[in-house]
Amino acid sequence: MTTTDPIADMLTRIRNALQARHPKVDVPASRLKTDIARILKDEGYIANYKLTEEGARRSIRIYLKYTAANVPVISRIERVSRPGCRVYVGSREVPRVLGGLGINILTTPRGVMTGSSARKEGVGGEVLCHVW
């Protein structure tokens, strides 16, 4: 079965795994999803990720991060731009998430990056998701 929105599928798998307190979650691999996982790791929202291959199927194993009290580090992760309603922003309109406490992930002409780095580099793009 193919999903019409693989990014939303990835975010939902992460959300469900966090709610069930799983230590890790597997997501079908793609370059865009790997970039999203890299940003989540760099920003400290997940512990780690690695690409795994089981036969012909490639997947990304995402190791989730919890506090000492077993509370997920990611309190909310939501899709912004959808296949039916794309959300594009210019370099000056990149939104702040929770007044700067969260991050947003954008696809830009210079690759996938956080909203703050897109603002610094002066590029806009498609807002994929908000994380906090």
N, C-alpha and C. Protein backbone atom coordinates (compact mmCIF):
# COMPACT_ATOMS: atom_id res chain seq x y z
N MET A 1 0.83 -1.20 0.00
CA MET A 1 0.00 0.00 0.00
C MET A 1 0.87 1.25 0.00
N THR A 2 0.59 2.15 -0.90
CA THR A 2 1.34 3.41 -0.92
C THR A 2 0.50 4.50 -0.28
N THR A 3 1.18 5.34 0.47
CA THR A 3 0.46 6.44 1.10
C THR A 3 0.55 7.67 0.21
N THR A 4 -0.48 8.50 0.26
CA THR A 4 -0.47 9.71 -0.56
C THR A 4 0.40 10.78 0.06
N ASP A 5 0.63 10.70 1.38
CA ASP A 5 1.47 11.67 2.08
C ASP A 5 2.46 10.95 2.99
N PRO A 6 3.63 10.57 2.45
CA PRO A 6 4.61 9.81 3.23
C PRO A 6 5.16 10.58 4.44
N ILE A 7 5.24 11.91 4.35
CA ILE A 7 5.76 12.70 5.47
C ILE A 7 4.77 12.65 6.64
N ALA A 8 3.48 12.82 6.35
CA ALA A 8 2.45 12.72 7.40
C ALA A 8 2.46 11.33 8.02
N ASP A 9 2.70 10.29 7.20
CA ASP A 9 2.79 8.92 7.70
C ASP A 9 3.96 8.79 8.68
N MET A 10 5.10 9.38 8.33
CA MET A 10 6.28 9.34 9.20
C MET A 10 6.00 10.03 10.54
N LEU A 11 5.41 11.22 10.48
CA LEU A 11 5.11 11.98 11.69
C LEU A 11 4.10 11.25 12.57
N THR A 12 3.11 10.60 11.94
CA THR A 12 2.11 9.85 12.69
C THR A 12 2.74 8.63 13.36
N ARG A 13 3.64 7.96 12.67
CA ARG A 13 4.33 6.80 13.28
C ARG A 13 5.13 7.24 14.50
N ILE A 14 5.82 8.39 14.39
CA ILE A 14 6.60 8.91 15.52
C ILE A 14 5.65 9.26 16.67
N ARG A 15 4.55 9.96 16.35
CA ARG A 15 3.57 10.38 17.36
C ARG A 15 3.00 9.16 18.09
N ASN A 16 2.62 8.12 17.34
CA ASN A 16 2.04 6.91 17.93
C ASN A 16 3.06 6.17 18.80
N ALA A 17 4.31 6.08 18.33
CA ALA A 17 5.35 5.39 19.08
C ALA A 17 5.66 6.12 20.39
N LEU A 18 5.64 7.45 20.35
CA LEU A 18 5.87 8.24 21.57
C LEU A 18 4.75 8.01 22.58
N GLN A 19 3.52 7.97 22.09
CA GLN A 19 2.38 7.78 22.97
C GLN A 19 2.41 6.39 23.62
N ALA A 20 2.92 5.40 22.87
CA ALA A 20 3.00 4.04 23.40
C ALA A 20 4.32 3.79 24.13
N ARG A 21 5.15 4.83 24.24
CA ARG A 21 6.46 4.80 24.94
C ARG A 21 7.42 3.76 24.36
N HIS A 22 7.40 3.60 23.02
CA HIS A 22 8.34 2.69 22.37
C HIS A 22 9.73 3.32 22.34
N PRO A 23 10.79 2.49 22.43
CA PRO A 23 12.15 3.05 22.37
C PRO A 23 12.56 3.47 20.96
N LYS A 24 11.96 2.80 19.95
CA LYS A 24 12.33 3.12 18.56
C LYS A 24 11.14 2.87 17.64
N VAL A 25 11.23 3.44 16.42
CA VAL A 25 10.18 3.26 15.43
C VAL A 25 10.82 3.16 14.05
N ASP A 26 10.30 2.28 13.20
CA ASP A 26 10.81 2.14 11.83
C ASP A 26 9.89 2.85 10.86
N VAL A 27 10.51 3.57 9.90
CA VAL A 27 9.78 4.34 8.91
C VAL A 27 10.37 3.99 7.54
N PRO A 28 9.55 3.76 6.51
CA PRO A 28 10.11 3.53 5.17
C PRO A 28 11.02 4.70 4.76
N ALA A 29 12.17 4.38 4.18
CA ALA A 29 13.19 5.40 3.93
C ALA A 29 12.96 6.18 2.64
N SER A 30 13.34 7.45 2.69
CA SER A 30 13.46 8.30 1.52
C SER A 30 14.46 9.40 1.89
N ARG A 31 14.95 10.12 0.90
CA ARG A 31 15.95 11.14 1.19
C ARG A 31 15.36 12.27 2.05
N LEU A 32 14.14 12.67 1.74
CA LEU A 32 13.48 13.74 2.49
C LEU A 32 13.26 13.33 3.95
N LYS A 33 12.81 12.09 4.17
CA LYS A 33 12.57 11.61 5.53
C LYS A 33 13.88 11.52 6.31
N THR A 34 14.97 11.12 5.63
CA THR A 34 16.28 11.06 6.28
C THR A 34 16.72 12.46 6.71
N ASP A 35 16.47 13.46 5.85
CA ASP A 35 16.80 14.84 6.19
C ASP A 35 15.99 15.33 7.38
N ILE A 36 14.71 14.96 7.44
CA ILE A 36 13.86 15.34 8.57
C ILE A 36 14.38 14.70 9.86
N ALA A 37 14.75 13.41 9.78
CA ALA A 37 15.30 12.71 10.95
C ALA A 37 16.61 13.37 11.39
N ARG A 38 17.45 13.78 10.43
CA ARG A 38 18.73 14.44 10.75
C ARG A 38 18.47 15.74 11.52
N ILE A 39 17.49 16.53 11.07
CA ILE A 39 17.17 17.79 11.75
C ILE A 39 16.63 17.52 13.15
N LEU A 40 15.75 16.52 13.29
CA LEU A 40 15.20 16.19 14.62
C LEU A 40 16.32 15.78 15.58
N LYS A 41 17.34 15.07 15.06
CA LYS A 41 18.47 14.66 15.90
C LYS A 41 19.33 15.87 16.26
N ASP A 42 19.64 16.71 15.25
CA ASP A 42 20.47 17.90 15.48
C ASP A 42 19.84 18.85 16.49
N GLU A 43 18.52 18.94 16.46
CA GLU A 43 17.80 19.86 17.37
C GLU A 43 17.52 19.21 18.73
N GLY A 44 17.86 17.92 18.89
CA GLY A 44 17.71 17.26 20.19
C GLY A 44 16.34 16.68 20.47
N TYR A 45 15.51 16.48 19.43
CA TYR A 45 14.18 15.93 19.65
C TYR A 45 14.15 14.40 19.62
N ILE A 46 15.12 13.78 18.95
CA ILE A 46 15.24 12.32 18.98
C ILE A 46 16.66 11.96 19.39
N ALA A 47 16.84 10.75 19.92
CA ALA A 47 18.16 10.32 20.37
C ALA A 47 19.10 10.06 19.19
N ASN A 48 18.60 9.33 18.18
CA ASN A 48 19.42 8.98 17.03
C ASN A 48 18.55 8.39 15.94
N TYR A 49 19.16 8.14 14.78
CA TYR A 49 18.48 7.44 13.70
C TYR A 49 19.53 6.72 12.88
N LYS A 50 19.11 5.65 12.22
CA LYS A 50 20.04 4.98 11.30
C LYS A 50 19.26 4.31 10.18
N LEU A 51 19.91 4.21 9.03
CA LEU A 51 19.29 3.57 7.87
C LEU A 51 19.51 2.07 7.97
N THR A 52 18.43 1.30 7.79
CA THR A 52 18.55 -0.15 7.83
C THR A 52 18.01 -0.73 6.53
N GLU A 53 18.58 -1.87 6.13
CA GLU A 53 18.11 -2.54 4.92
C GLU A 53 17.75 -3.97 5.25
N GLU A 54 16.51 -4.33 4.97
CA GLU A 54 16.07 -5.72 5.14
C GLU A 54 15.64 -6.21 3.76
N GLY A 55 16.55 -6.86 3.08
CA GLY A 55 16.29 -7.29 1.71
C GLY A 55 16.25 -6.08 0.80
N ALA A 56 15.17 -5.91 0.07
CA ALA A 56 15.05 -4.77 -0.84
C ALA A 56 14.44 -3.55 -0.15
N ARG A 57 13.89 -3.75 1.06
CA ARG A 57 13.22 -2.65 1.77
C ARG A 57 14.20 -1.85 2.62
N ARG A 58 14.29 -0.56 2.32
CA ARG A 58 15.13 0.34 3.12
C ARG A 58 14.22 1.07 4.11
N SER A 59 14.69 1.21 5.34
CA SER A 59 13.90 1.96 6.32
C SER A 59 14.82 2.75 7.23
N ILE A 60 14.21 3.72 7.91
CA ILE A 60 14.94 4.55 8.86
C ILE A 60 14.47 4.11 10.25
N ARG A 61 15.41 3.72 11.09
CA ARG A 61 15.08 3.36 12.47
C ARG A 61 15.34 4.60 13.32
N ILE A 62 14.27 5.14 13.91
CA ILE A 62 14.37 6.37 14.71
C ILE A 62 14.32 5.99 16.18
N TYR A 63 15.39 6.36 16.92
CA TYR A 63 15.45 6.09 18.36
C TYR A 63 14.88 7.30 19.09
N LEU A 64 13.76 7.09 19.77
CA LEU A 64 13.04 8.18 20.41
C LEU A 64 13.70 8.59 21.72
N LYS A 65 13.44 9.83 22.12
CA LYS A 65 14.08 10.40 23.29
C LYS A 65 13.03 10.74 24.35
N TYR A 66 13.33 10.36 25.60
CA TYR A 66 12.43 10.63 26.72
C TYR A 66 13.23 11.29 27.84
N THR A 67 12.54 12.04 28.72
CA THR A 67 13.21 12.64 29.87
C THR A 67 13.41 11.57 30.94
N ALA A 68 14.04 11.94 32.05
CA ALA A 68 14.28 10.99 33.14
C ALA A 68 12.96 10.48 33.73
N ALA A 69 11.90 11.30 33.66
CA ALA A 69 10.58 10.90 34.18
C ALA A 69 9.76 10.15 33.13
N ASN A 70 10.39 9.68 32.06
CA ASN A 70 9.76 8.93 30.97
C ASN A 70 8.69 9.75 30.23
N VAL A 71 8.93 11.05 30.11
CA VAL A 71 8.05 11.94 29.35
C VAL A 71 8.70 12.17 27.99
N PRO A 72 7.96 12.03 26.88
CA PRO A 72 8.57 12.24 25.56
C PRO A 72 9.11 13.67 25.41
N VAL A 73 10.27 13.80 24.76
CA VAL A 73 10.86 15.11 24.51
C VAL A 73 9.98 15.89 23.52
N ILE A 74 9.43 15.18 22.53
CA ILE A 74 8.51 15.81 21.57
C ILE A 74 7.13 15.81 22.20
N SER A 75 6.62 17.01 22.50
CA SER A 75 5.26 17.07 23.05
C SER A 75 4.22 17.17 21.94
N ARG A 76 4.62 17.72 20.79
CA ARG A 76 3.68 17.83 19.66
C ARG A 76 4.48 17.85 18.36
N ILE A 77 4.01 17.13 17.37
CA ILE A 77 4.63 17.14 16.04
C ILE A 77 3.48 17.10 15.04
N GLU A 78 3.38 18.14 14.21
CA GLU A 78 2.23 18.20 13.30
C GLU A 78 2.63 18.66 11.91
N ARG A 79 1.94 18.10 10.93
CA ARG A 79 2.15 18.42 9.52
C ARG A 79 1.51 19.76 9.21
N VAL A 80 2.19 20.59 8.43
CA VAL A 80 1.62 21.89 8.05
C VAL A 80 1.20 21.86 6.59
N SER A 81 2.14 21.63 5.69
CA SER A 81 1.86 21.60 4.26
C SER A 81 1.42 20.19 3.87
N ARG A 82 0.26 20.09 3.24
CA ARG A 82 -0.27 18.77 2.84
C ARG A 82 -0.36 18.72 1.32
N PRO A 83 -0.47 17.50 0.75
CA PRO A 83 -0.61 17.40 -0.71
C PRO A 83 -1.79 18.20 -1.25
N GLY A 84 -2.88 18.29 -0.48
CA GLY A 84 -4.06 19.03 -0.94
C GLY A 84 -3.97 20.52 -0.70
N CYS A 85 -3.09 20.95 0.20
CA CYS A 85 -2.98 22.37 0.54
C CYS A 85 -1.54 22.67 0.94
N ARG A 86 -0.74 23.01 -0.05
CA ARG A 86 0.66 23.30 0.20
C ARG A 86 0.80 24.66 0.87
N VAL A 87 1.77 24.79 1.79
CA VAL A 87 2.00 26.06 2.49
C VAL A 87 3.42 26.51 2.19
N TYR A 88 3.54 27.59 1.44
CA TYR A 88 4.85 28.16 1.10
C TYR A 88 5.01 29.50 1.80
N VAL A 89 6.22 29.79 2.24
CA VAL A 89 6.49 31.08 2.87
C VAL A 89 7.75 31.69 2.27
N GLY A 90 7.79 33.00 2.25
CA GLY A 90 8.99 33.71 1.82
C GLY A 90 9.97 33.77 2.97
N SER A 91 11.18 34.27 2.71
CA SER A 91 12.21 34.31 3.74
C SER A 91 11.81 35.20 4.91
N ARG A 92 10.99 36.22 4.65
CA ARG A 92 10.57 37.13 5.72
C ARG A 92 9.35 36.63 6.50
N GLU A 93 8.61 35.67 5.93
CA GLU A 93 7.40 35.19 6.61
C GLU A 93 7.56 33.83 7.29
N VAL A 94 8.80 33.36 7.47
CA VAL A 94 9.00 32.06 8.12
C VAL A 94 8.46 32.16 9.56
N PRO A 95 7.44 31.35 9.90
CA PRO A 95 6.80 31.50 11.22
C PRO A 95 7.68 31.01 12.37
N ARG A 96 7.47 31.60 13.54
CA ARG A 96 8.12 31.11 14.75
C ARG A 96 7.15 30.14 15.42
N VAL A 97 7.69 29.06 15.98
CA VAL A 97 6.85 28.05 16.63
C VAL A 97 6.93 28.26 18.14
N LEU A 98 5.78 28.48 18.78
CA LEU A 98 5.70 28.70 20.22
C LEU A 98 6.67 29.80 20.68
N GLY A 99 6.73 30.88 19.93
CA GLY A 99 7.60 32.00 20.29
C GLY A 99 9.07 31.64 20.31
N GLY A 100 9.47 30.70 19.47
CA GLY A 100 10.88 30.30 19.39
C GLY A 100 11.22 29.07 20.20
N LEU A 101 10.26 28.51 20.94
CA LEU A 101 10.54 27.31 21.75
C LEU A 101 10.54 26.04 20.90
N GLY A 102 9.77 26.04 19.82
CA GLY A 102 9.72 24.87 18.94
C GLY A 102 10.47 25.16 17.65
N ILE A 103 10.44 24.20 16.73
CA ILE A 103 11.07 24.40 15.42
C ILE A 103 10.07 24.08 14.33
N ASN A 104 10.31 24.63 13.14
CA ASN A 104 9.59 24.17 11.97
C ASN A 104 10.63 23.68 10.97
N ILE A 105 10.23 22.73 10.14
CA ILE A 105 11.14 22.16 9.15
C ILE A 105 10.63 22.56 7.78
N LEU A 106 11.52 23.14 6.98
CA LEU A 106 11.18 23.63 5.65
C LEU A 106 12.00 22.93 4.58
N THR A 107 11.41 22.78 3.39
CA THR A 107 12.21 22.40 2.22
C THR A 107 12.46 23.70 1.47
N THR A 108 13.71 23.98 1.22
CA THR A 108 14.10 25.22 0.54
C THR A 108 14.93 24.86 -0.68
N PRO A 109 15.22 25.84 -1.54
CA PRO A 109 16.11 25.56 -2.66
C PRO A 109 17.51 25.12 -2.21
N ARG A 110 17.87 25.42 -0.96
CA ARG A 110 19.18 25.01 -0.43
C ARG A 110 19.08 23.76 0.43
N GLY A 111 17.99 23.02 0.30
CA GLY A 111 17.84 21.77 1.04
C GLY A 111 16.86 21.89 2.19
N VAL A 112 16.75 20.81 2.96
CA VAL A 112 15.84 20.78 4.10
C VAL A 112 16.53 21.43 5.29
N MET A 113 15.84 22.37 5.95
CA MET A 113 16.44 23.06 7.10
C MET A 113 15.37 23.54 8.07
N THR A 114 15.82 23.99 9.24
CA THR A 114 14.89 24.53 10.22
C THR A 114 14.49 25.94 9.82
N GLY A 115 13.42 26.43 10.42
CA GLY A 115 12.94 27.77 10.13
C GLY A 115 13.95 28.84 10.49
N SER A 116 14.65 28.67 11.61
CA SER A 116 15.63 29.67 12.04
C SER A 116 16.82 29.75 11.08
N SER A 117 17.30 28.60 10.60
CA SER A 117 18.43 28.64 9.66
C SER A 117 17.98 29.17 8.30
N ALA A 118 16.73 28.92 7.92
CA ALA A 118 16.20 29.48 6.67
C ALA A 118 16.11 31.00 6.78
N ARG A 119 15.69 31.49 7.96
CA ARG A 119 15.63 32.93 8.21
C ARG A 119 17.02 33.55 8.12
N LYS A 120 18.03 32.87 8.72
CA LYS A 120 19.41 33.36 8.69
C LYS A 120 19.95 33.44 7.26
N GLU A 121 19.67 32.38 6.48
CA GLU A 121 20.19 32.34 5.11
C GLU A 121 19.36 33.15 4.14
N GLY A 122 18.20 33.64 4.59
CA GLY A 122 17.36 34.48 3.75
C GLY A 122 16.66 33.71 2.63
N VAL A 123 16.22 32.48 2.94
CA VAL A 123 15.49 31.70 1.94
C VAL A 123 14.13 31.28 2.50
N GLY A 124 13.16 31.14 1.63
CA GLY A 124 11.83 30.64 2.01
C GLY A 124 11.66 29.25 1.45
N GLY A 125 10.46 28.72 1.57
CA GLY A 125 10.20 27.39 1.02
C GLY A 125 8.89 26.84 1.52
N GLU A 126 8.75 25.52 1.43
CA GLU A 126 7.53 24.85 1.87
C GLU A 126 7.67 24.43 3.33
N VAL A 127 6.72 24.80 4.17
CA VAL A 127 6.74 24.44 5.59
C VAL A 127 6.21 23.01 5.72
N LEU A 128 7.10 22.07 6.08
CA LEU A 128 6.69 20.67 6.20
C LEU A 128 5.96 20.41 7.50
N CYS A 129 6.58 20.80 8.64
CA CYS A 129 5.95 20.49 9.92
C CYS A 129 6.46 21.40 11.04
N HIS A 130 5.71 21.40 12.15
CA HIS A 130 6.09 22.08 13.39
C HIS A 130 6.39 21.02 14.42
N VAL A 131 7.43 21.25 15.24
CA VAL A 131 7.78 20.33 16.31
C VAL A 131 8.02 21.14 17.59
N TRP A 132 7.44 20.68 18.70
CA TRP A 132 7.77 21.28 20.00
C TRP A 132 7.50 20.29 21.11
